[in-house]
C-alpha atoms as a PDB file:
ATOM      1  CA  LYS A   1      -0.460  11.710 -11.217  1.00  0.00           C
ATOM      2  CA  ARG A   2       2.612  13.910 -11.506  1.00  0.00           C
ATOM      3  CA  ARG A   3       2.925  14.063  -7.718  1.00  0.00           C
ATOM      4  CA  VAL A   4       2.756  10.288  -7.497  1.00  0.00           C
ATOM      5  CA  ASP A   5       5.411  10.035 -10.205  1.00  0.00           C
ATOM      6  CA  THR A   6       7.757  12.455  -8.445  1.00  0.00           C
ATOM      7  CA  ALA A   7       7.124  11.419  -4.835  1.00  0.00           C
ATOM      8  CA  PHE A   8      10.164  10.100  -2.988  1.00  0.00           C
ATOM      9  CA  HIS A   9       8.081   7.295  -1.521  1.00  0.00           C
ATOM     10  CA  VAL A  10       4.656   5.769  -2.104  1.00  0.00           C
ATOM     11  CA  GLY A  11       3.374   3.361   0.524  1.00  0.00           C
ATOM     12  CA  PHE A  12       0.101   1.881   1.723  1.00  0.00           C
ATOM     13  CA  ASP A  13      -1.196   1.117   5.187  1.00  0.00           C
ATOM     14  CA  GLU A  14      -2.587  -2.223   4.015  1.00  0.00           C
ATOM     15  CA  GLU A  15       0.948  -3.122   2.864  1.00  0.00           C
ATOM     16  CA  TYR A  16       2.657  -1.676   5.925  1.00  0.00           C
ATOM     17  CA  LYS A  17       5.614  -4.066   6.042  1.00  0.00           C
ATOM     18  CA  ALA A  18       6.412  -3.736   2.337  1.00  0.00           C
ATOM     19  CA  SER A  19       5.940   0.046   2.514  1.00  0.00           C
ATOM     20  CA  LEU A  20       8.215   0.370   5.532  1.00  0.00           C
ATOM     21  CA  CYS A  21      10.953  -1.791   4.010  1.00  0.00           C
ATOM     22  CA  LEU A  22      10.762   0.170   0.773  1.00  0.00           C
ATOM     23  CA  LEU A  23      11.105   3.447   2.657  1.00  0.00           C
ATOM     24  CA  LEU A  24      14.007   2.174   4.765  1.00  0.00           C
ATOM     25  CA  ILE A  25      15.866   0.920   1.712  1.00  0.00           C
ATOM     26  CA  ARG A  26      15.360   4.232  -0.080  1.00  0.00           C
ATOM     27  CA  LEU A  27      16.752   5.988   3.020  1.00  0.00           C
ATOM     28  CA  ASP A  28      19.748   3.576   3.113  1.00  0.00           C
ATOM     29  CA  LYS A  29      18.652   2.356   6.558  1.00  0.00           C
ATOM     30  CA  SER A  30      17.346  -1.064   5.664  1.00  0.00           C
ATOM     31  CA  PRO A  31      17.558  -3.770   8.335  1.00  0.00           C
ATOM     32  CA  ALA A  32      18.509  -7.290   7.250  1.00  0.00           C
ATOM     33  CA  ALA A  33      14.909  -8.369   7.847  1.00  0.00           C
ATOM     34  CA  CYS A  34      13.868  -6.311   4.813  1.00  0.00           C
ATOM     35  CA  GLU A  35      15.935  -8.554   2.555  1.00  0.00           C
ATOM     36  CA  CYS A  36      13.566 -11.136   1.136  1.00  0.00           C
ATOM     37  CA  HIS A  37      15.734 -14.193   1.758  1.00  0.00           C
ATOM     38  CA  SER A  38      17.371 -13.156   5.028  1.00  0.00           C
ATOM     39  CA  GLY A  39      15.300 -15.539   7.126  1.00  0.00           C
ATOM     40  CA  GLU A  40      14.805 -12.731   9.656  1.00  0.00           C
ATOM     41  CA  GLU A  41      11.409 -11.373  10.586  1.00  0.00           C
ATOM     42  CA  LEU A  42      10.836  -7.624  10.679  1.00  0.00           C
ATOM     43  CA  GLU A  43       9.398  -6.720  14.076  1.00  0.00           C
ATOM     44  CA  LEU A  44       6.618  -4.207  13.637  1.00  0.00           C
ATOM     45  CA  LYS A  45       4.873  -2.294  16.392  1.00  0.00           C
ATOM     46  CA  ARG A  46       1.706  -0.516  15.340  1.00  0.00           C
ATOM     47  CA  ARG A  47      -1.034   1.207  17.197  1.00  0.00           C
ATOM     48  CA  ALA A  48      -4.393  -0.504  16.887  1.00  0.00           C
ATOM     49  CA  ASN A  49      -6.963   1.255  14.749  1.00  0.00           C
ATOM     50  CA  THR A  50      -9.920   2.082  16.950  1.00  0.00           C
ATOM     51  CA  THR A  51     -12.045   3.849  14.354  1.00  0.00           C
ATOM     52  CA  SER A  52     -15.144   2.252  12.917  1.00  0.00           C
ATOM     53  CA  THR A  53     -14.808   0.280   9.719  1.00  0.00           C
ATOM     54  CA  ALA A  54     -16.954   0.257   6.612  1.00  0.00           C
ATOM     55  CA  GLU A  55     -18.546  -2.969   7.838  1.00  0.00           C
ATOM     56  CA  ASP A  56     -19.970  -1.047  10.819  1.00  0.00           C
ATOM     57  CA  THR A  57     -22.086   1.184   8.584  1.00  0.00           C
ATOM     58  CA  GLN A  58     -25.029   0.109   6.459  1.00  0.00           C
ATOM     59  CA  LEU A  59     -25.457   2.251   3.342  1.00  0.00           C
ATOM     60  CA  SER A  60     -28.180   2.153   0.757  1.00  0.00           C
ATOM     61  CA  GLN A  61     -27.222   1.277  -2.800  1.00  0.00           C
ATOM     62  CA  GLU A  62     -28.110   4.847  -3.786  1.00  0.00           C
ATOM     63  CA  ALA A  63     -25.650   6.225  -1.217  1.00  0.00           C
ATOM     64  CA  LYS A  64     -22.963   3.783  -2.386  1.00  0.00           C
ATOM     65  CA  ASN A  65     -23.493   4.898  -5.990  1.00  0.00           C
ATOM     66  CA  LYS A  66     -23.180   8.577  -5.016  1.00  0.00           C
ATOM     67  CA  ILE A  67     -19.982   7.894  -3.085  1.00  0.00           C
ATOM     68  CA  ALA A  68     -18.546   5.978  -6.053  1.00  0.00           C
ATOM     69  CA  THR A  69     -19.359   8.917  -8.336  1.00  0.00           C
ATOM     70  CA  PHE A  70     -17.825  11.483  -5.972  1.00  0.00           C
ATOM     71  CA  THR A  71     -14.674   9.428  -5.433  1.00  0.00           C
ATOM     72  CA  MET A  72     -14.105   8.137  -8.979  1.00  0.00           C
ATOM     73  CA  LEU A  73     -10.984  10.258  -9.525  1.00  0.00           C
ATOM     74  CA  ASP A  74      -9.669   9.328  -6.083  1.00  0.00           C
ATOM     75  CA  SER A  75     -10.051   5.653  -6.960  1.00  0.00           C
ATOM     76  CA  GLN A  76      -8.210   6.136 -10.244  1.00  0.00           C
ATOM     77  CA  LEU A  77      -5.352   7.945  -8.496  1.00  0.00           C
ATOM     78  CA  TYR A  78      -5.205   5.247  -5.817  1.00  0.00           C
ATOM     79  CA  ARG A  79      -4.855   2.535  -8.482  1.00  0.00           C
ATOM     80  CA  TYR A  80      -2.176   4.600 -10.227  1.00  0.00           C
ATOM     81  CA  ALA A  81      -0.260   4.966  -6.937  1.00  0.00           C
ATOM     82  CA  GLN A  82      -0.579   1.206  -6.359  1.00  0.00           C
ATOM     83  CA  GLN A  83       1.103   0.591  -9.712  1.00  0.00           C
ATOM     84  CA  ARG A  84       3.942   2.943  -8.742  1.00  0.00           C
ATOM     85  CA  PHE A  85       4.276   1.111  -5.423  1.00  0.00           C
ATOM     86  CA  LEU A  86       4.425  -2.298  -7.124  1.00  0.00           C
ATOM     87  CA  TYR A  87       6.974  -0.976  -9.618  1.00  0.00           C
ATOM     88  CA  ASP A  88       9.180   0.299  -6.767  1.00  0.00           C
ATOM     89  CA  LEU A  89       8.883  -2.989  -4.882  1.00  0.00           C
ATOM     90  CA  ASP A  90       9.939  -4.844  -8.012  1.00  0.00           C
ATOM     91  CA  GLU A  91      12.852  -2.453  -8.583  1.00  0.00           C
ATOM     92  CA  TYR A  92      14.198  -3.137  -5.077  1.00  0.00           C
ATOM     93  CA  GLY A  93      13.289  -6.840  -5.039  1.00  0.00           C
ATOM     94  CA  LEU A  94      10.815  -6.513  -2.202  1.00  0.00           C
ATOM     95  CA  GLU A  95       7.780  -8.306  -3.630  1.00  0.00           C
ATOM     96  CA  CYS A  96       8.176 -10.985  -0.964  1.00  0.00           C
ATOM     97  CA  HIS A  97       6.832  -8.530   1.622  1.00  0.00           C
ATOM     98  CA  LEU A  98       3.448  -8.111  -0.049  1.00  0.00           C
ATOM     99  CA  SER A  99       0.621  -9.452   2.076  1.00  0.00           C
ATOM    100  CA  LYS A 100      -0.802 -11.080  -1.045  1.00  0.00           C
ATOM    101  CA  PRO A 101       0.830 -11.603  -4.440  1.00  0.00           C
ATOM    102  CA  ALA A 102       0.378  -8.795  -6.939  1.00  0.00           C
ATOM    103  CA  THR A 103      -1.744  -9.797  -9.889  1.00  0.00           C
ATOM    104  CA  GLY A 104      -1.750  -6.526 -11.804  1.00  0.00           C
ATOM    105  CA  THR A 105      -5.542  -6.619 -12.039  1.00  0.00           C
ATOM    106  CA  ASP A 106      -8.272  -4.939 -10.073  1.00  0.00           C
ATOM    107  CA  GLU A 107     -10.298  -7.049  -7.675  1.00  0.00           C
END
């Protein structure tokens, strides 16, 4: 958790636009499109992900339970990093770039 707390930037692939705008603002290189009410759209070019997704693989419930046990701490750290990310977005007024509104609860 200490590394998350002291990291210069925390971002998430699933919130690419918000993460990129947050990074650019922290680097003092923010384009106008990162301002929530600018009316401009941030043009993003990303490479397509060609790896298989979780939906491509069928796992037994036993395997899913083992994975959940092995990754429990990872999941906790991920949620902690998400909270840091949401805090930073709020601090810089960038919540408008979230792909879905933050609820502060787990899904």
